[in-house]
Amino acid sequence: MTAPDASGVVAVIGGGPAGLAAAAMLKPRGLRVRVLEKADSIGARWRGHYDRLHLHTTRSLSALPGLSIPPEYGTWVARDDFVQYQERYAAHHGLEVELGTAVERVDREGHGWRLHTSKGDVAATYVVVGTGYNNAAFLPPWPGRERFSRELIHSHRYRNAEPYRGKRVLVVGTGNSGAEIATDLAEHGAEVWWSFRTPPNILPRAAFGVATQRLGILLRPLSPAVVDSIAAGYGWVTIGSLAKFGLPRAPRGLYTAVLRDHVLPILDVGLASAIRAGRVRPVPAVESFDESSVALADGQRIVPDAVVACTGYRPALEPMVGHLGMLDRDGVPTVHGPSEHPEAPGMFFLGYNNPISGNLREIAKHAPAVAALIAGRNAARA
């Protein structure tokens, strides 16, 4: 079988912020761009998030390159508005996204790539992978989980607190989703336990009229030790200690946790106040389940009506590119933006690092750089 002509074709995998930004920057450079998205809509993962969600980064620092987010969306952009913005972005740049096209595996072929998709093979000279961190929901294999007779859902199935009014709910996980869902439940009449394995760093989303993201941008070039110290002081002034309410101090400094563990701080939108008011009770890590109760790491058992597992997501890139040897032990690409792995020249990853300055801002910086590199290399090959 004759292979399709791959000359100058850039396959962009993912129809969310990273994929759209890459395609928008590539298209004006005369390259043939194919955007492949497995879902049936643009920005599909954003559509599936809980109703309360707003960006924790400011509107002005969250726009994709080439189109501002409308001012009427406010400082903290709501979920539905950000979905609409992605649709407007694709239309503004004339991007044709091939929906319902899942990329199952990418193989090296000559000087280019062959993508095996649910709709047939695609040949490309370059590949940009932009499916994001939140590709596959992760639910820990807690012992006894399958015997638990009450509601147990991952956070991607949580929409709002209305079904849980007056109920006892255990929220598991110390990311921003866990913090915000616990707060949402508490504010709407649920009795909430909030389970943590490792105490998180907590900062306000904004303080003194300044978004914490801007502080992250200023501090990012500094050493982890210096940033950890400044962040600790900022957190003490703005949030204070929650130790007497059951939440000890985080064992690692903020920037050290980001770099070593890929763990971002919680940008608080009400959790600290809910903990102080007793509406959210911190409890130790979940150890196991039985039919009606949950055992915690300190030996106590609680009996929730429902459990919401805010236990994160995985990039789930192993089936697609795991055989190429460029993923770390957590399945995260070891190269980002315009950097390339020596074993996979011509393949780029966009949106897989979570800096303290904001993931969307990082995508906006990296997408033009990736496009310029690909265009330059393609011109040299011509």
Protein backbone atom coordinates (compact mmCIF):
# COMPACT_ATOMS: atom_id res chain seq x y z
CA MET A 1 0.00 0.00 0.00
CA THR A 2 1.33 3.43 -0.88
CA ALA A 3 1.70 5.70 2.12
CA PRO A 4 -0.17 9.02 2.03
CA ASP A 5 1.99 12.03 1.29
CA ALA A 6 3.22 13.31 4.64
CA SER A 7 5.33 16.18 3.31
CA GLY A 8 4.69 19.33 5.35
CA VAL A 9 1.78 17.78 7.26
CA VAL A 10 1.56 18.53 10.96
CA ALA A 11 -0.73 16.25 12.93
CA VAL A 12 -2.01 17.99 16.06
CA ILE A 13 -3.50 15.57 18.58
CA GLY A 14 -6.14 17.16 20.79
CA GLY A 15 -8.91 19.70 20.28
CA GLY A 16 -8.54 21.50 23.60
CA PRO A 17 -6.50 24.61 24.47
CA ALA A 18 -3.06 23.17 23.63
CA GLY A 19 -4.07 21.60 20.33
CA LEU A 20 -6.05 24.63 19.20
CA ALA A 21 -3.21 27.01 20.08
CA ALA A 22 -0.67 24.91 18.18
CA ALA A 23 -2.89 24.65 15.11
CA ALA A 24 -3.65 28.38 15.12
CA MET A 25 0.05 29.24 15.16
CA LEU A 26 0.95 26.65 12.51
CA LYS A 27 -1.76 27.40 9.97
CA PRO A 28 -0.55 30.86 8.81
CA ARG A 29 2.91 29.43 8.15
CA GLY A 30 1.78 27.47 5.10
CA LEU A 31 1.81 24.06 6.72
CA ARG A 32 -0.90 21.48 6.25
CA VAL A 33 -2.41 21.07 9.70
CA ARG A 34 -4.73 18.26 10.76
CA VAL A 35 -6.27 18.56 14.21
CA LEU A 36 -7.44 15.18 15.51
CA GLU A 37 -9.82 15.10 18.48
CA LYS A 38 -11.31 11.88 19.85
CA ALA A 39 -14.37 13.55 21.37
CA ASP A 40 -17.36 14.87 19.44
CA SER A 41 -16.81 18.52 20.40
CA ILE A 42 -14.09 21.11 20.84
CA GLY A 43 -12.97 21.58 24.45
CA ALA A 44 -14.79 18.40 25.46
CA ARG A 45 -13.00 17.95 28.78
CA TRP A 46 -13.88 21.44 29.90
CA ARG A 47 -17.53 20.71 29.24
CA GLY A 48 -17.36 17.81 31.67
CA HIS A 49 -16.12 19.78 34.68
CA TYR A 50 -18.34 20.73 37.60
CA ASP A 51 -20.74 23.68 37.28
CA ARG A 52 -19.00 25.94 39.80
CA LEU A 53 -15.63 25.86 38.04
CA HIS A 54 -13.88 29.10 37.16
CA LEU A 55 -10.31 29.47 36.00
CA HIS A 56 -7.88 30.03 38.84
CA THR A 57 -5.76 32.12 36.50
CA THR A 58 -6.88 35.56 35.39
CA ARG A 59 -8.63 36.23 32.09
CA SER A 60 -5.79 38.41 30.80
CA LEU A 61 -3.20 35.69 31.50
CA SER A 62 -5.26 32.74 30.26
CA ALA A 63 -5.91 33.64 26.61
CA LEU A 64 -4.56 31.50 23.81
CA PRO A 65 -2.29 33.23 21.28
CA GLY A 66 -4.05 35.28 18.65
CA LEU A 67 -7.37 35.98 20.39
CA SER A 68 -8.13 37.69 23.70
CA ILE A 69 -10.77 36.36 26.06
CA PRO A 70 -13.71 38.81 26.00
CA PRO A 71 -13.72 41.28 28.92
CA GLU A 72 -17.36 40.51 29.65
CA TYR A 73 -16.26 37.07 30.91
CA GLY A 74 -14.82 38.76 33.99
CA THR A 75 -11.54 38.29 35.81
CA TRP A 76 -12.15 34.62 36.65
CA VAL A 77 -13.59 32.95 33.57
CA ALA A 78 -16.42 30.46 34.14
CA ARG A 79 -16.38 26.96 32.70
CA ASP A 80 -19.06 27.56 30.08
CA ASP A 81 -17.50 30.83 29.01
CA PHE A 82 -14.13 29.15 28.54
CA VAL A 83 -15.76 26.43 26.43
CA GLN A 84 -17.38 29.12 24.30
CA TYR A 85 -14.04 30.90 24.01
CA GLN A 86 -12.42 27.73 22.64
CA GLU A 87 -15.17 27.44 20.03
CA ARG A 88 -14.72 31.09 19.08
CA TYR A 89 -10.96 30.60 18.93
CA ALA A 90 -11.26 27.71 16.46
CA ALA A 91 -13.68 29.71 14.29
CA HIS A 92 -11.55 32.85 14.45
CA HIS A 93 -8.50 30.99 13.16
CA GLY A 94 -10.45 28.89 10.65
CA LEU A 95 -9.45 25.61 12.26
CA GLU A 96 -11.09 22.44 11.01
CA VAL A 97 -11.03 19.94 13.84
CA GLU A 98 -11.57 16.30 12.88
CA LEU A 99 -13.91 15.26 15.68
CA GLY A 100 -14.47 11.67 16.70
CA THR A 101 -10.95 10.73 15.60
CA ALA A 102 -9.04 8.93 18.33
CA VAL A 103 -5.28 8.55 17.87
CA GLU A 104 -4.43 5.10 19.16
CA ARG A 105 -0.70 4.84 18.43
CA VAL A 106 2.04 6.89 16.78
CA ASP A 107 4.96 5.16 15.05
CA ARG A 108 8.09 6.43 13.40
CA GLU A 109 7.98 6.04 9.61
CA GLY A 110 11.01 7.17 7.65
CA HIS A 111 11.64 10.82 8.50
CA GLY A 112 8.06 11.32 9.64
CA TRP A 113 5.27 9.66 11.56
CA ARG A 114 2.31 7.37 11.05
CA LEU A 115 -0.67 7.89 13.30
CA HIS A 116 -3.03 4.97 13.71
CA THR A 117 -6.46 6.44 14.35
CA SER A 118 -10.01 5.20 14.78
CA LYS A 119 -10.70 6.46 11.25
CA GLY A 120 -7.61 5.14 9.51
CA ASP A 121 -3.94 6.01 9.30
CA VAL A 122 -2.61 9.55 9.05
CA ALA A 123 0.90 10.29 7.77
CA ALA A 124 2.67 13.40 9.02
CA THR A 125 6.11 14.96 9.00
CA TYR A 126 5.58 16.49 12.46
CA VAL A 127 3.37 15.68 15.42
CA VAL A 128 2.21 17.98 18.21
CA VAL A 129 0.62 16.14 21.14
CA GLY A 130 -1.75 18.34 23.12
CA THR A 131 -4.24 16.05 24.84
CA GLY A 132 -3.40 17.48 28.27
CA TYR A 133 -2.99 16.18 31.80
CA ASN A 134 -6.69 15.47 32.27
CA ASN A 135 -6.94 12.73 29.69
CA ALA A 136 -8.12 9.83 31.86
CA ALA A 137 -9.75 9.94 35.28
CA PHE A 138 -7.82 8.10 38.00
CA LEU A 139 -9.60 6.24 40.80
CA PRO A 140 -7.26 4.57 43.32
CA PRO A 141 -7.65 0.80 43.78
CA TRP A 142 -8.73 1.10 47.42
CA PRO A 143 -9.28 -2.30 49.07
CA GLY A 144 -12.99 -3.08 49.32
CA ARG A 145 -13.97 -0.32 46.91
CA GLU A 146 -16.12 -2.65 44.83
CA ARG A 147 -18.11 -3.70 47.93
CA PHE A 148 -19.07 -0.17 48.92
CA SER A 149 -22.84 0.02 48.48
CA ARG A 150 -23.19 3.78 48.60
CA GLU A 151 -22.40 6.35 45.96
CA LEU A 152 -18.75 6.54 44.91
CA ILE A 153 -17.92 8.80 41.97
CA HIS A 154 -14.86 10.39 40.47
CA SER A 155 -14.94 14.19 40.40
CA HIS A 156 -15.45 14.25 36.62
CA ARG A 157 -19.00 12.99 37.30
CA TYR A 158 -19.75 15.64 39.93
CA ARG A 159 -21.81 18.57 38.66
CA ASN A 160 -23.15 20.47 41.66
CA ALA A 161 -24.10 20.11 45.31
CA GLU A 162 -27.88 19.96 44.91
CA PRO A 163 -28.16 16.12 45.14
CA TYR A 164 -26.14 16.14 48.37
CA ARG A 165 -28.02 18.66 50.51
CA GLY A 166 -28.29 17.30 54.05
CA LYS A 167 -26.06 14.33 53.26
CA ARG A 168 -22.69 13.27 54.64
CA VAL A 169 -20.09 13.43 51.89
CA LEU A 170 -16.46 12.38 51.93
CA VAL A 171 -14.32 14.32 49.45
CA VAL A 172 -10.97 12.68 48.75
CA GLY A 173 -8.10 14.67 47.27
CA THR A 174 -6.18 17.87 47.88
CA GLY A 175 -6.04 19.38 44.41
CA ASN A 176 -7.99 22.46 43.42
CA SER A 177 -10.94 20.32 42.33
CA GLY A 178 -11.13 18.61 45.71
CA ALA A 179 -10.88 21.90 47.56
CA GLU A 180 -13.55 23.58 45.46
CA ILE A 181 -15.97 20.64 45.47
CA ALA A 182 -15.64 20.32 49.25
CA THR A 183 -16.40 24.04 49.55
CA ASP A 184 -19.33 23.80 47.14
CA LEU A 185 -20.86 20.95 49.11
CA ALA A 186 -20.40 22.72 52.44
CA GLU A 187 -21.95 25.93 51.16
CA HIS A 188 -25.03 24.01 50.03
CA GLY A 189 -25.86 22.13 53.18
CA ALA A 190 -23.82 18.94 53.06
CA GLU A 191 -21.79 17.60 55.99
CA VAL A 192 -18.30 17.32 54.52
CA TRP A 193 -15.21 15.34 55.38
CA TRP A 194 -12.14 16.24 53.33
CA SER A 195 -9.53 13.50 53.16
CA PHE A 196 -5.85 14.18 52.51
CA ARG A 197 -2.80 11.95 52.32
CA THR A 198 -0.28 14.78 52.16
CA PRO A 199 -1.22 18.21 53.55
CA PRO A 200 -1.30 20.71 50.67
CA ASN A 201 0.08 24.19 50.30
CA ILE A 202 -2.80 26.67 50.28
CA LEU A 203 -2.72 30.24 48.97
CA PRO A 204 -5.57 32.62 48.15
CA ARG A 205 -6.57 32.91 44.52
CA ALA A 206 -6.03 36.64 44.96
CA ALA A 207 -5.09 38.91 47.86
CA PHE A 208 -4.70 42.66 48.31
CA GLY A 209 -6.21 43.13 44.86
CA VAL A 210 -3.52 41.06 43.13
CA ALA A 211 -3.94 37.58 41.61
CA THR A 212 -1.61 34.99 43.12
CA GLN A 213 -0.76 33.92 39.56
CA ARG A 214 1.07 37.21 39.08
CA LEU A 215 3.17 36.45 42.12
CA GLY A 216 3.97 33.08 40.56
CA ILE A 217 5.14 34.76 37.36
CA LEU A 218 7.47 37.04 39.31
CA LEU A 219 8.88 34.25 41.47
CA ARG A 220 9.26 31.50 38.88
CA PRO A 221 12.85 32.44 37.86
CA LEU A 222 14.05 32.21 41.47
CA SER A 223 15.39 29.14 43.24
CA PRO A 224 12.92 26.71 44.85
CA ALA A 225 14.25 27.49 48.32
CA VAL A 226 13.68 31.22 47.89
CA VAL A 227 10.20 30.75 46.39
CA ASP A 228 9.27 28.26 49.13
CA SER A 229 10.21 30.81 51.78
CA ILE A 230 8.33 33.69 50.15
CA ALA A 231 5.25 31.54 49.49
CA ALA A 232 5.24 30.31 53.09
CA GLY A 233 5.22 33.88 54.38
CA TYR A 234 2.52 34.92 51.92
CA GLY A 235 0.42 31.93 52.95
CA TRP A 236 0.87 32.70 56.63
CA VAL A 237 -0.31 36.29 56.15
CA THR A 238 -3.25 35.47 53.88
CA ILE A 239 -4.43 32.01 54.99
CA GLY A 240 -2.75 31.42 58.34
CA SER A 241 -2.40 28.10 60.12
CA LEU A 242 -5.14 25.47 59.93
CA ALA A 243 -3.33 22.99 62.17
CA LYS A 244 -5.74 23.28 65.09
CA PHE A 245 -8.57 22.47 62.69
CA GLY A 246 -6.92 19.22 61.60
CA LEU A 247 -4.85 20.30 58.62
CA PRO A 248 -1.09 20.29 59.34
CA ARG A 249 1.47 22.33 57.45
CA ALA A 250 2.53 20.95 54.06
CA PRO A 251 5.73 18.86 54.34
CA ARG A 252 7.29 20.40 51.22
CA GLY A 253 7.56 24.01 50.22
CA LEU A 254 5.26 25.21 47.46
CA TYR A 255 7.75 25.39 44.58
CA THR A 256 9.57 22.23 45.65
CA ALA A 257 6.27 20.34 45.57
CA VAL A 258 5.52 21.67 42.09
CA LEU A 259 8.92 20.66 40.70
CA ARG A 260 9.36 17.30 42.45
CA ASP A 261 5.83 16.01 42.75
CA HIS A 262 3.96 17.86 39.96
CA VAL A 263 1.62 19.11 42.72
CA LEU A 264 0.23 22.63 42.43
CA PRO A 265 -0.90 24.59 45.48
CA ILE A 266 -4.56 25.02 46.23
CA LEU A 267 -5.70 28.49 45.19
CA ASP A 268 -8.37 28.99 47.78
CA VAL A 269 -11.88 30.21 46.97
CA GLY A 270 -13.47 29.47 50.34
CA LEU A 271 -12.03 26.22 51.70
CA ALA A 272 -9.99 27.77 54.53
CA SER A 273 -13.03 29.66 55.82
CA ALA A 274 -15.18 26.51 55.59
CA ILE A 275 -12.59 24.55 57.59
CA ARG A 276 -12.42 27.23 60.29
CA ALA A 277 -16.22 27.31 60.49
CA GLY A 278 -16.37 23.53 60.89
CA ARG A 279 -18.32 23.05 57.67
CA VAL A 280 -15.45 21.05 56.17
CA ARG A 281 -13.57 18.65 58.46
CA PRO A 282 -10.10 17.51 57.38
CA VAL A 283 -9.49 13.80 57.94
CA PRO A 284 -6.58 11.45 57.14
CA ALA A 285 -6.14 9.39 53.99
CA VAL A 286 -8.57 6.69 52.92
CA GLU A 287 -7.25 3.19 53.57
CA SER A 288 -10.14 0.90 52.60
CA PHE A 289 -13.87 0.46 52.15
CA ASP A 290 -16.44 -1.99 53.36
CA GLU A 291 -20.11 -2.15 52.44
CA SER A 292 -21.13 1.03 54.25
CA SER A 293 -18.07 2.66 55.80
CA VAL A 294 -14.62 4.01 55.01
CA ALA A 295 -11.50 3.26 57.06
CA LEU A 296 -9.03 6.10 57.45
CA ALA A 297 -5.28 6.03 58.05
CA ASP A 298 -5.64 6.92 61.74
CA GLY A 299 -7.88 3.91 62.39
CA GLN A 300 -11.24 5.68 62.55
CA ARG A 301 -14.19 4.71 60.40
CA ILE A 302 -16.69 7.10 58.92
CA VAL A 303 -20.04 6.35 57.31
CA PRO A 304 -20.65 8.74 54.39
CA ASP A 305 -23.73 8.78 52.19
CA ALA A 306 -21.48 9.50 49.21
CA VAL A 307 -17.80 9.68 48.30
CA VAL A 308 -16.43 12.08 45.68
CA ALA A 309 -12.93 11.02 44.63
CA CYS A 310 -11.03 14.11 43.46
CA THR A 311 -8.04 11.91 42.84
CA GLY A 312 -6.91 13.46 39.61
CA TYR A 313 -6.23 12.37 36.11
CA ARG A 314 -3.47 10.79 34.12
CA PRO A 315 -2.13 11.91 30.73
CA ALA A 316 -2.69 8.29 29.59
CA LEU A 317 -0.16 8.65 26.77
CA GLU A 318 1.32 5.18 27.16
CA PRO A 319 -0.76 3.45 24.45
CA MET A 320 -0.07 6.28 22.02
CA VAL A 321 3.62 7.05 22.55
CA GLY A 322 4.82 4.97 25.50
CA HIS A 323 6.90 2.72 23.24
CA LEU A 324 8.93 5.72 22.06
CA GLY A 325 10.69 6.09 25.42
CA MET A 326 9.88 9.71 26.25
CA LEU A 327 7.57 9.43 29.26
CA ASP A 328 8.66 9.60 32.89
CA ARG A 329 7.52 7.24 35.65
CA ASP A 330 4.28 9.21 35.99
CA GLY A 331 3.54 9.01 32.28
CA VAL A 332 4.38 12.68 31.72
CA PRO A 333 6.50 13.66 28.68
CA THR A 334 10.11 14.45 29.56
CA VAL A 335 10.21 17.26 26.99
CA HIS A 336 7.90 20.24 26.65
CA GLY A 337 7.18 23.00 24.17
CA PRO A 338 9.88 23.48 21.52
CA SER A 339 12.15 20.87 23.11
CA GLU A 340 12.45 17.48 21.39
CA HIS A 341 13.43 14.08 22.67
CA PRO A 342 16.57 12.77 20.87
CA GLU A 343 14.73 9.53 20.07
CA ALA A 344 11.74 11.33 18.56
CA PRO A 345 12.74 14.37 16.49
CA GLY A 346 9.74 16.13 15.00
CA MET A 347 7.40 15.30 17.90
CA PHE A 348 6.40 18.03 20.34
CA PHE A 349 4.35 18.08 23.54
CA LEU A 350 2.29 21.09 24.51
CA GLY A 351 0.51 21.66 27.81
CA TYR A 352 2.15 18.97 29.93
CA ASN A 353 3.91 21.14 32.46
CA ASN A 354 2.09 22.97 35.23
CA PRO A 355 4.25 25.92 36.25
CA ILE A 356 3.38 28.25 39.09
CA SER A 357 2.82 30.93 36.45
CA GLY A 358 -0.17 29.06 34.94
CA ASN A 359 -0.63 26.26 32.42
CA LEU A 360 -2.66 28.28 29.90
CA ARG A 361 -0.08 31.05 29.93
CA GLU A 362 2.61 28.43 29.28
CA ILE A 363 0.66 27.07 26.31
CA ALA A 364 0.35 30.60 24.91
CA LYS A 365 4.13 31.00 25.15
CA HIS A 366 5.06 27.58 23.76
CA ALA A 367 2.63 27.32 20.83
CA PRO A 368 4.25 30.11 18.74
CA ALA A 369 7.72 28.74 19.54
CA VAL A 370 6.76 25.24 18.38
CA ALA A 371 5.16 26.62 15.21
CA ALA A 372 8.23 28.71 14.37
CA LEU A 373 10.55 25.75 14.87
CA ILE A 374 8.45 23.44 12.69
CA ALA A 375 8.05 26.06 9.96
CA GLY A 376 11.76 26.78 9.90
CA ARG A 377 12.69 23.15 9.74
CA ASN A 378 10.12 22.46 7.05
CA ALA A 379 11.44 25.33 4.93
CA ALA A 380 14.97 23.93 5.25
CA ARG A 381 13.76 20.53 4.06
CA ALA A 382 12.06 21.96 0.97
